[in-house]
Amino acid sequence: MYGAMADKELVKYVRENVGQYGLSAIKAQLLRDGVDPEAVDDAISEVSGADLNPRSNVTTYALLGGVVLLIVAVFFAIQSPTSPGQSKDGDPPERPPEDETVVGTRDSAFHGHYGYILKLPAGYVANPGFQDAGKSVEVVHLFPKGTSPTHLSHEGLYGDLGILRLEVSPRRVPQGFIGIDLIKAWAAQKLVQEKATFTSRQLLVNGMPAFITMVEKPFKSATAYVIGQKVRYTLVGGEENELFNNVLSSLVEVSPHDRPGS
């Protein structure tokens, strides 16, 4: 019988995400994250043999319903209160060579440094870099292909140009382990200090505790925070719309870790 020795957790992960990302993307990510190739092949063999016949495909897609079902941590990063999206000295985040960008197609996915996957909207570019010299804060700008890079540092343009920014950093800091209550208090204090007009609401993102703040003044913006096991994510956009919510709901972890970039 195929897959007799397959790891149950790997099989579960592949089965729950095959409809969202496809076997090739899942396999590539698992191998990049150091999972044993034989274990990956065993898990994929079990899923492809048992679950990918025409009848079970209908069941799988009906259950997924376009929503990621992997019950793993999804984490959001908070930025510096005085310089959102920039390093402390005011410089923009370090940018990779142009050939490291990813251009979205209907089924494409961006693989982040900290072991997560982000579904990329069709026609969008994902351009990752690191905000700090120690390469602990990953910054990923998402924008329509052809957008001028000079617009990425101006949050007031995000809504009109369809730009999103994802920031990812470890939850563990010298002072302790950052949780959702600490981030909520920090975000509220920051907005009050800025005399912003805003509303906030709590939600779950794939089972993870989260909240979104919607700012009306001085300019419209939406920021989502979600907390998980090892890292934390912040997604910033011009407003909470279909684009913003689709990208937010597509964040899943494959092999979470909190090791800085190299």
C-alpha atoms as a PDB file:
ATOM      1  CA  MET A   1       0.000   0.000   0.000  1.00  0.00           C
ATOM      2  CA  TYR A   2       1.423   3.400  -0.998  1.00  0.00           C
ATOM      3  CA  GLY A   3       2.314   5.889   1.713  1.00  0.00           C
ATOM      4  CA  ALA A   4       2.321   3.266   4.490  1.00  0.00           C
ATOM      5  CA  MET A   5       5.229   5.005   6.230  1.00  0.00           C
ATOM      6  CA  ALA A   6       4.236   8.563   5.357  1.00  0.00           C
ATOM      7  CA  ASP A   7       4.439  11.125   8.159  1.00  0.00           C
ATOM      8  CA  LYS A   8       0.874  11.906   9.293  1.00  0.00           C
ATOM      9  CA  GLU A   9       1.508  15.632   9.790  1.00  0.00           C
ATOM     10  CA  LEU A  10       3.068  16.001   6.335  1.00  0.00           C
ATOM     11  CA  VAL A  11       0.170  14.098   4.771  1.00  0.00           C
ATOM     12  CA  LYS A  12      -2.302  16.348   6.591  1.00  0.00           C
ATOM     13  CA  TYR A  13      -0.515  19.492   5.423  1.00  0.00           C
ATOM     14  CA  VAL A  14      -0.313  18.368   1.774  1.00  0.00           C
ATOM     15  CA  ARG A  15      -3.943  17.223   1.733  1.00  0.00           C
ATOM     16  CA  GLU A  16      -5.278  20.475   3.186  1.00  0.00           C
ATOM     17  CA  ASN A  17      -3.289  22.755   0.852  1.00  0.00           C
ATOM     18  CA  VAL A  18      -3.080  20.925  -2.467  1.00  0.00           C
ATOM     19  CA  GLY A  19      -6.222  22.626  -3.743  1.00  0.00           C
ATOM     20  CA  GLN A  20      -4.809  26.072  -2.893  1.00  0.00           C
ATOM     21  CA  TYR A  21      -1.201  25.813  -4.106  1.00  0.00           C
ATOM     22  CA  GLY A  22      -0.708  22.550  -6.036  1.00  0.00           C
ATOM     23  CA  LEU A  23       1.675  19.680  -5.354  1.00  0.00           C
ATOM     24  CA  SER A  24       4.720  21.196  -7.071  1.00  0.00           C
ATOM     25  CA  ALA A  25       4.675  24.402  -4.984  1.00  0.00           C
ATOM     26  CA  ILE A  26       4.144  22.476  -1.750  1.00  0.00           C
ATOM     27  CA  LYS A  27       6.958  20.035  -2.539  1.00  0.00           C
ATOM     28  CA  ALA A  28       9.377  22.822  -3.478  1.00  0.00           C
ATOM     29  CA  GLN A  29       8.692  24.692  -0.228  1.00  0.00           C
ATOM     30  CA  LEU A  30       9.091  21.595   1.953  1.00  0.00           C
ATOM     31  CA  LEU A  31      12.399  20.728   0.304  1.00  0.00           C
ATOM     32  CA  ARG A  32      13.645  24.314   0.701  1.00  0.00           C
ATOM     33  CA  ASP A  33      12.794  24.118   4.393  1.00  0.00           C
ATOM     34  CA  GLY A  34      14.939  21.020   4.868  1.00  0.00           C
ATOM     35  CA  VAL A  35      12.267  18.323   5.105  1.00  0.00           C
ATOM     36  CA  ASP A  36      13.621  14.888   4.184  1.00  0.00           C
ATOM     37  CA  PRO A  37      13.008  14.298   0.433  1.00  0.00           C
ATOM     38  CA  GLU A  38      11.809  10.728   1.002  1.00  0.00           C
ATOM     39  CA  ALA A  39       9.318  11.901   3.622  1.00  0.00           C
ATOM     40  CA  VAL A  40       8.032  14.548   1.212  1.00  0.00           C
ATOM     41  CA  ASP A  41       7.661  11.997  -1.596  1.00  0.00           C
ATOM     42  CA  ASP A  42       5.854   9.555   0.699  1.00  0.00           C
ATOM     43  CA  ALA A  43       3.379  12.205   1.822  1.00  0.00           C
ATOM     44  CA  ILE A  44       2.731  13.419  -1.720  1.00  0.00           C
ATOM     45  CA  SER A  45       2.340   9.847  -2.966  1.00  0.00           C
ATOM     46  CA  GLU A  46      -0.285   9.118  -0.324  1.00  0.00           C
ATOM     47  CA  VAL A  47      -2.237  12.272  -1.085  1.00  0.00           C
ATOM     48  CA  SER A  48      -1.968  12.003  -4.878  1.00  0.00           C
ATOM     49  CA  GLY A  49      -2.972   8.340  -4.795  1.00  0.00           C
ATOM     50  CA  ALA A  50      -5.827   8.675  -2.312  1.00  0.00           C
ATOM     51  CA  ASP A  51      -7.174  12.175  -2.779  1.00  0.00           C
ATOM     52  CA  LEU A  52      -6.614  13.366  -6.332  1.00  0.00           C
ATOM     53  CA  ASN A  53      -9.059  11.165  -8.226  1.00  0.00           C
ATOM     54  CA  PRO A  54     -11.967  13.090  -9.824  1.00  0.00           C
ATOM     55  CA  ARG A  55     -14.476  12.218  -7.088  1.00  0.00           C
ATOM     56  CA  SER A  56     -12.248  13.218  -4.183  1.00  0.00           C
ATOM     57  CA  ASN A  57     -11.215  16.409  -5.976  1.00  0.00           C
ATOM     58  CA  VAL A  58     -14.815  17.596  -5.745  1.00  0.00           C
ATOM     59  CA  THR A  59     -14.855  16.884  -2.028  1.00  0.00           C
ATOM     60  CA  THR A  60     -11.497  18.590  -1.447  1.00  0.00           C
ATOM     61  CA  TYR A  61     -12.416  21.799  -3.236  1.00  0.00           C
ATOM     62  CA  ALA A  62     -15.821  21.916  -1.580  1.00  0.00           C
ATOM     63  CA  LEU A  63     -14.214  21.677   1.834  1.00  0.00           C
ATOM     64  CA  LEU A  64     -11.538  24.227   1.075  1.00  0.00           C
ATOM     65  CA  GLY A  65     -13.954  26.685  -0.490  1.00  0.00           C
ATOM     66  CA  GLY A  66     -11.037  28.882  -1.489  1.00  0.00           C
ATOM     67  CA  VAL A  67      -9.991  29.291   2.189  1.00  0.00           C
ATOM     68  CA  VAL A  68      -6.713  28.021   3.569  1.00  0.00           C
ATOM     69  CA  LEU A  69      -7.410  25.379   6.200  1.00  0.00           C
ATOM     70  CA  LEU A  70      -3.931  24.674   7.521  1.00  0.00           C
ATOM     71  CA  ILE A  71      -4.187  25.157  11.296  1.00  0.00           C
ATOM     72  CA  VAL A  72      -0.761  26.602  11.924  1.00  0.00           C
ATOM     73  CA  ALA A  73       0.443  29.929  13.242  1.00  0.00           C
ATOM     74  CA  VAL A  74       0.212  33.028  11.065  1.00  0.00           C
ATOM     75  CA  PHE A  75       2.203  35.875  12.464  1.00  0.00           C
ATOM     76  CA  PHE A  76       2.350  39.606  11.937  1.00  0.00           C
ATOM     77  CA  ALA A  77       5.136  42.155  12.486  1.00  0.00           C
ATOM     78  CA  ILE A  78       4.837  45.556  14.132  1.00  0.00           C
ATOM     79  CA  GLN A  79       6.989  48.354  12.791  1.00  0.00           C
ATOM     80  CA  SER A  80       8.856  51.221  14.445  1.00  0.00           C
ATOM     81  CA  PRO A  81       6.362  53.781  15.826  1.00  0.00           C
ATOM     82  CA  THR A  82       8.339  56.647  14.300  1.00  0.00           C
ATOM     83  CA  SER A  83       9.240  55.300  10.871  1.00  0.00           C
ATOM     84  CA  PRO A  84       6.741  52.807   9.387  1.00  0.00           C
ATOM     85  CA  GLY A  85       8.232  50.828   6.539  1.00  0.00           C
ATOM     86  CA  GLN A  86      11.723  52.310   6.987  1.00  0.00           C
ATOM     87  CA  SER A  87      14.862  51.557   8.928  1.00  0.00           C
ATOM     88  CA  LYS A  88      15.752  53.702  11.943  1.00  0.00           C
ATOM     89  CA  ASP A  89      18.072  55.900   9.905  1.00  0.00           C
ATOM     90  CA  GLY A  90      15.293  56.682   7.425  1.00  0.00           C
ATOM     91  CA  ASP A  91      16.620  54.550   4.570  1.00  0.00           C
ATOM     92  CA  PRO A  92      14.144  52.352   2.667  1.00  0.00           C
ATOM     93  CA  PRO A  93      14.267  48.595   3.291  1.00  0.00           C
ATOM     94  CA  GLU A  94      17.123  46.745   1.642  1.00  0.00           C
ATOM     95  CA  ARG A  95      15.981  45.576  -1.782  1.00  0.00           C
ATOM     96  CA  PRO A  96      17.024  42.360  -3.538  1.00  0.00           C
ATOM     97  CA  PRO A  97      18.258  42.115  -7.135  1.00  0.00           C
ATOM     98  CA  GLU A  98      15.482  42.547  -9.676  1.00  0.00           C
ATOM     99  CA  ASP A  99      15.579  38.881 -10.682  1.00  0.00           C
ATOM    100  CA  GLU A 100      14.490  37.889  -7.148  1.00  0.00           C
ATOM    101  CA  THR A 101      11.055  39.435  -7.584  1.00  0.00           C
ATOM    102  CA  VAL A 102       8.046  37.181  -8.177  1.00  0.00           C
ATOM    103  CA  VAL A 103       5.279  38.084 -10.622  1.00  0.00           C
ATOM    104  CA  GLY A 104       1.858  36.668  -9.801  1.00  0.00           C
ATOM    105  CA  THR A 105      -0.168  34.410 -12.036  1.00  0.00           C
ATOM    106  CA  ARG A 106      -3.496  32.827 -11.223  1.00  0.00           C
ATOM    107  CA  ASP A 107      -1.917  30.044  -9.150  1.00  0.00           C
ATOM    108  CA  SER A 108       1.416  31.554  -8.063  1.00  0.00           C
ATOM    109  CA  ALA A 109       2.655  31.771  -4.499  1.00  0.00           C
ATOM    110  CA  PHE A 110       5.376  33.792  -2.806  1.00  0.00           C
ATOM    111  CA  HIS A 111       7.586  31.904  -0.322  1.00  0.00           C
ATOM    112  CA  GLY A 112       8.721  34.136   2.547  1.00  0.00           C
ATOM    113  CA  HIS A 113      11.945  33.879   4.501  1.00  0.00           C
ATOM    114  CA  TYR A 114      10.295  32.774   7.759  1.00  0.00           C
ATOM    115  CA  GLY A 115       8.685  29.680   6.258  1.00  0.00           C
ATOM    116  CA  TYR A 116       5.325  31.045   5.114  1.00  0.00           C
ATOM    117  CA  ILE A 117       3.455  31.113   1.811  1.00  0.00           C
ATOM    118  CA  LEU A 118       1.535  34.079   0.431  1.00  0.00           C
ATOM    119  CA  LYS A 119      -0.785  33.731  -2.556  1.00  0.00           C
ATOM    120  CA  LEU A 120       0.125  36.454  -5.035  1.00  0.00           C
ATOM    121  CA  PRO A 121      -2.650  38.270  -6.950  1.00  0.00           C
ATOM    122  CA  ALA A 122      -2.425  37.881 -10.718  1.00  0.00           C
ATOM    123  CA  GLY A 123      -0.302  40.613 -12.277  1.00  0.00           C
ATOM    124  CA  TYR A 124       1.256  41.561  -8.947  1.00  0.00           C
ATOM    125  CA  VAL A 125       4.944  41.679  -8.061  1.00  0.00           C
ATOM    126  CA  ALA A 126       6.296  40.512  -4.698  1.00  0.00           C
ATOM    127  CA  ASN A 127       9.592  42.230  -3.910  1.00  0.00           C
ATOM    128  CA  PRO A 128      11.169  41.114  -0.610  1.00  0.00           C
ATOM    129  CA  GLY A 129      13.978  42.634   1.392  1.00  0.00           C
ATOM    130  CA  PHE A 130      15.087  43.235   4.968  1.00  0.00           C
ATOM    131  CA  GLN A 131      14.441  46.412   6.934  1.00  0.00           C
ATOM    132  CA  ASP A 132      17.405  46.197   9.311  1.00  0.00           C
ATOM    133  CA  ALA A 133      21.112  45.470   9.123  1.00  0.00           C
ATOM    134  CA  GLY A 134      20.674  42.274  11.145  1.00  0.00           C
ATOM    135  CA  LYS A 135      18.115  41.045   8.591  1.00  0.00           C
ATOM    136  CA  SER A 136      15.537  40.142  11.208  1.00  0.00           C
ATOM    137  CA  VAL A 137      12.602  42.184   9.836  1.00  0.00           C
ATOM    138  CA  GLU A 138      11.492  40.949   6.425  1.00  0.00           C
ATOM    139  CA  VAL A 139       9.599  43.496   4.308  1.00  0.00           C
ATOM    140  CA  VAL A 140       7.660  42.379   1.238  1.00  0.00           C
ATOM    141  CA  HIS A 141       6.042  44.955  -1.029  1.00  0.00           C
ATOM    142  CA  LEU A 142       3.194  43.723  -3.224  1.00  0.00           C
ATOM    143  CA  PHE A 143       2.210  45.911  -6.151  1.00  0.00           C
ATOM    144  CA  PRO A 144       0.930  45.755  -9.750  1.00  0.00           C
ATOM    145  CA  LYS A 145       3.681  45.096 -12.274  1.00  0.00           C
ATOM    146  CA  GLY A 146       4.982  48.393 -13.644  1.00  0.00           C
ATOM    147  CA  THR A 147       4.473  50.400 -10.454  1.00  0.00           C
ATOM    148  CA  SER A 148       7.295  52.863  -9.815  1.00  0.00           C
ATOM    149  CA  PRO A 149       9.452  51.803  -6.827  1.00  0.00           C
ATOM    150  CA  THR A 150       9.412  55.406  -5.633  1.00  0.00           C
ATOM    151  CA  HIS A 151       5.754  54.985  -4.629  1.00  0.00           C
ATOM    152  CA  LEU A 152       6.392  52.122  -2.203  1.00  0.00           C
ATOM    153  CA  SER A 153       7.473  54.335   0.696  1.00  0.00           C
ATOM    154  CA  HIS A 154       4.363  56.562   0.511  1.00  0.00           C
ATOM    155  CA  GLU A 155       1.504  54.885   2.385  1.00  0.00           C
ATOM    156  CA  GLY A 156      -0.869  57.623   1.260  1.00  0.00           C
ATOM    157  CA  LEU A 157      -0.625  56.222  -2.288  1.00  0.00           C
ATOM    158  CA  TYR A 158      -1.292  52.596  -1.338  1.00  0.00           C
ATOM    159  CA  GLY A 159      -5.052  52.789  -1.815  1.00  0.00           C
ATOM    160  CA  ASP A 160      -5.013  54.439  -5.256  1.00  0.00           C
ATOM    161  CA  LEU A 161      -2.165  52.273  -6.594  1.00  0.00           C
ATOM    162  CA  GLY A 162      -3.178  48.953  -5.015  1.00  0.00           C
ATOM    163  CA  ILE A 163       0.063  48.594  -3.033  1.00  0.00           C
ATOM    164  CA  LEU A 164       0.361  46.338   0.024  1.00  0.00           C
ATOM    165  CA  ARG A 165       3.252  45.916   2.454  1.00  0.00           C
ATOM    166  CA  LEU A 166       3.871  42.847   4.591  1.00  0.00           C
ATOM    167  CA  GLU A 167       6.326  43.016   7.478  1.00  0.00           C
ATOM    168  CA  VAL A 168       7.477  39.884   9.290  1.00  0.00           C
ATOM    169  CA  SER A 169       9.657  39.637  12.400  1.00  0.00           C
ATOM    170  CA  PRO A 170      10.239  37.260  15.330  1.00  0.00           C
ATOM    171  CA  ARG A 171       7.928  37.424  18.321  1.00  0.00           C
ATOM    172  CA  ARG A 172      10.784  36.757  20.719  1.00  0.00           C
ATOM    173  CA  VAL A 173      12.521  39.972  21.772  1.00  0.00           C
ATOM    174  CA  PRO A 174      14.955  40.724  24.635  1.00  0.00           C
ATOM    175  CA  GLN A 175      12.043  41.872  26.815  1.00  0.00           C
ATOM    176  CA  GLY A 176      10.052  38.666  26.313  1.00  0.00           C
ATOM    177  CA  PHE A 177       7.540  37.084  23.950  1.00  0.00           C
ATOM    178  CA  ILE A 178       5.200  39.466  22.108  1.00  0.00           C
ATOM    179  CA  GLY A 179       1.479  38.597  22.197  1.00  0.00           C
ATOM    180  CA  ILE A 180      -1.722  39.982  20.724  1.00  0.00           C
ATOM    181  CA  ASP A 181      -2.582  42.122  23.778  1.00  0.00           C
ATOM    182  CA  LEU A 182       0.764  43.904  23.671  1.00  0.00           C
ATOM    183  CA  ILE A 183       0.413  44.672  19.964  1.00  0.00           C
ATOM    184  CA  LYS A 184      -3.156  45.953  20.424  1.00  0.00           C
ATOM    185  CA  ALA A 185      -2.017  48.311  23.175  1.00  0.00           C
ATOM    186  CA  TRP A 186       0.962  49.488  21.119  1.00  0.00           C
ATOM    187  CA  ALA A 187      -1.132  50.104  17.989  1.00  0.00           C
ATOM    188  CA  ALA A 188      -3.797  52.058  19.878  1.00  0.00           C
ATOM    189  CA  GLN A 189      -1.228  54.199  21.686  1.00  0.00           C
ATOM    190  CA  LYS A 190       0.578  54.977  18.428  1.00  0.00           C
ATOM    191  CA  LEU A 191      -2.620  56.077  16.663  1.00  0.00           C
ATOM    192  CA  VAL A 192      -3.719  58.217  19.613  1.00  0.00           C
ATOM    193  CA  GLN A 193      -0.324  59.929  19.647  1.00  0.00           C
ATOM    194  CA  GLU A 194      -0.713  60.633  15.930  1.00  0.00           C
ATOM    195  CA  LYS A 195      -4.218  62.057  16.595  1.00  0.00           C
ATOM    196  CA  ALA A 196      -5.581  59.674  13.988  1.00  0.00           C
ATOM    197  CA  THR A 197      -9.274  58.997  13.447  1.00  0.00           C
ATOM    198  CA  PHE A 198      -9.622  55.220  13.465  1.00  0.00           C
ATOM    199  CA  THR A 199     -11.719  52.178  14.283  1.00  0.00           C
ATOM    200  CA  SER A 200     -10.578  48.688  15.226  1.00  0.00           C
ATOM    201  CA  ARG A 201     -12.136  45.253  15.253  1.00  0.00           C
ATOM    202  CA  GLN A 202     -11.052  41.772  16.250  1.00  0.00           C
ATOM    203  CA  LEU A 203     -11.175  38.744  13.967  1.00  0.00           C
ATOM    204  CA  LEU A 204      -9.662  35.328  13.382  1.00  0.00           C
ATOM    205  CA  VAL A 205      -7.381  34.658  10.427  1.00  0.00           C
ATOM    206  CA  ASN A 206      -7.329  30.923   9.764  1.00  0.00           C
ATOM    207  CA  GLY A 207      -7.932  30.357  13.474  1.00  0.00           C
ATOM    208  CA  MET A 208      -5.305  32.862  14.609  1.00  0.00           C
ATOM    209  CA  PRO A 209      -6.134  35.819  16.921  1.00  0.00           C
ATOM    210  CA  ALA A 210      -6.009  39.048  14.937  1.00  0.00           C
ATOM    211  CA  PHE A 211      -7.320  42.575  14.668  1.00  0.00           C
ATOM    212  CA  ILE A 212      -7.567  45.235  11.967  1.00  0.00           C
ATOM    213  CA  THR A 213      -7.343  48.999  12.396  1.00  0.00           C
ATOM    214  CA  MET A 214      -8.980  51.239   9.781  1.00  0.00           C
ATOM    215  CA  VAL A 215      -7.711  54.829   9.730  1.00  0.00           C
ATOM    216  CA  GLU A 216      -9.739  57.636   8.157  1.00  0.00           C
ATOM    217  CA  LYS A 217      -7.452  60.603   8.964  1.00  0.00           C
ATOM    218  CA  PRO A 218      -4.832  61.919   8.272  1.00  0.00           C
ATOM    219  CA  PHE A 219      -5.133  59.522   5.300  1.00  0.00           C
ATOM    220  CA  LYS A 220      -7.026  56.272   4.767  1.00  0.00           C
ATOM    221  CA  SER A 221      -5.213  53.036   5.581  1.00  0.00           C
ATOM    222  CA  ALA A 222      -5.853  49.550   6.899  1.00  0.00           C
ATOM    223  CA  THR A 223      -3.455  47.492   9.005  1.00  0.00           C
ATOM    224  CA  ALA A 224      -3.946  43.864  10.029  1.00  0.00           C
ATOM    225  CA  TYR A 225      -2.060  42.174  12.872  1.00  0.00           C
ATOM    226  CA  VAL A 226      -2.082  38.418  13.485  1.00  0.00           C
ATOM    227  CA  ILE A 227      -0.088  36.490  16.093  1.00  0.00           C
ATOM    228  CA  GLY A 228       1.199  32.942  15.955  1.00  0.00           C
ATOM    229  CA  GLN A 229       3.974  30.712  17.270  1.00  0.00           C
ATOM    230  CA  LYS A 230       7.340  32.261  16.387  1.00  0.00           C
ATOM    231  CA  VAL A 231       6.925  35.338  14.185  1.00  0.00           C
ATOM    232  CA  ARG A 232       4.410  38.140  13.811  1.00  0.00           C
ATOM    233  CA  TYR A 233       3.046  39.780  10.672  1.00  0.00           C
ATOM    234  CA  THR A 234       1.707  43.219   9.808  1.00  0.00           C
ATOM    235  CA  LEU A 235      -0.154  43.759   6.533  1.00  0.00           C
ATOM    236  CA  VAL A 236      -0.591  47.405   5.510  1.00  0.00           C
ATOM    237  CA  GLY A 237      -2.871  48.614   2.719  1.00  0.00           C
ATOM    238  CA  GLY A 238      -4.832  51.646   1.624  1.00  0.00           C
ATOM    239  CA  GLU A 239      -8.155  50.217   2.809  1.00  0.00           C
ATOM    240  CA  GLU A 240      -9.831  46.985   3.818  1.00  0.00           C
ATOM    241  CA  ASN A 241     -11.112  45.786   0.463  1.00  0.00           C
ATOM    242  CA  GLU A 242     -11.232  42.533  -1.529  1.00  0.00           C
ATOM    243  CA  LEU A 243      -7.534  42.707  -2.443  1.00  0.00           C
ATOM    244  CA  PHE A 244      -6.497  43.317   1.159  1.00  0.00           C
ATOM    245  CA  ASN A 245      -8.686  40.537   2.567  1.00  0.00           C
ATOM    246  CA  ASN A 246      -7.688  37.998  -0.098  1.00  0.00           C
ATOM    247  CA  VAL A 247      -3.992  38.520   0.556  1.00  0.00           C
ATOM    248  CA  LEU A 248      -4.519  38.440   4.321  1.00  0.00           C
ATOM    249  CA  SER A 249      -6.474  35.173   4.199  1.00  0.00           C
ATOM    250  CA  SER A 250      -3.848  33.501   1.973  1.00  0.00           C
ATOM    251  CA  LEU A 251      -1.021  33.692   4.525  1.00  0.00           C
ATOM    252  CA  VAL A 252      -0.070  30.226   5.772  1.00  0.00           C
ATOM    253  CA  GLU A 253       3.002  28.742   7.388  1.00  0.00           C
ATOM    254  CA  VAL A 254       4.787  25.716   5.969  1.00  0.00           C
ATOM    255  CA  SER A 255       7.859  25.477   8.192  1.00  0.00           C
ATOM    256  CA  PRO A 256       7.809  28.309  10.758  1.00  0.00           C
ATOM    257  CA  HIS A 257      11.082  29.521  12.267  1.00  0.00           C
ATOM    258  CA  ASP A 258      12.424  32.752  13.752  1.00  0.00           C
ATOM    259  CA  ARG A 259      15.988  32.716  12.429  1.00  0.00           C
ATOM    260  CA  PRO A 260      17.085  36.042  10.859  1.00  0.00           C
ATOM    261  CA  GLY A 261      17.841  36.192   7.145  1.00  0.00           C
ATOM    262  CA  SER A 262      21.258  35.582   5.682  1.00  0.00           C
END
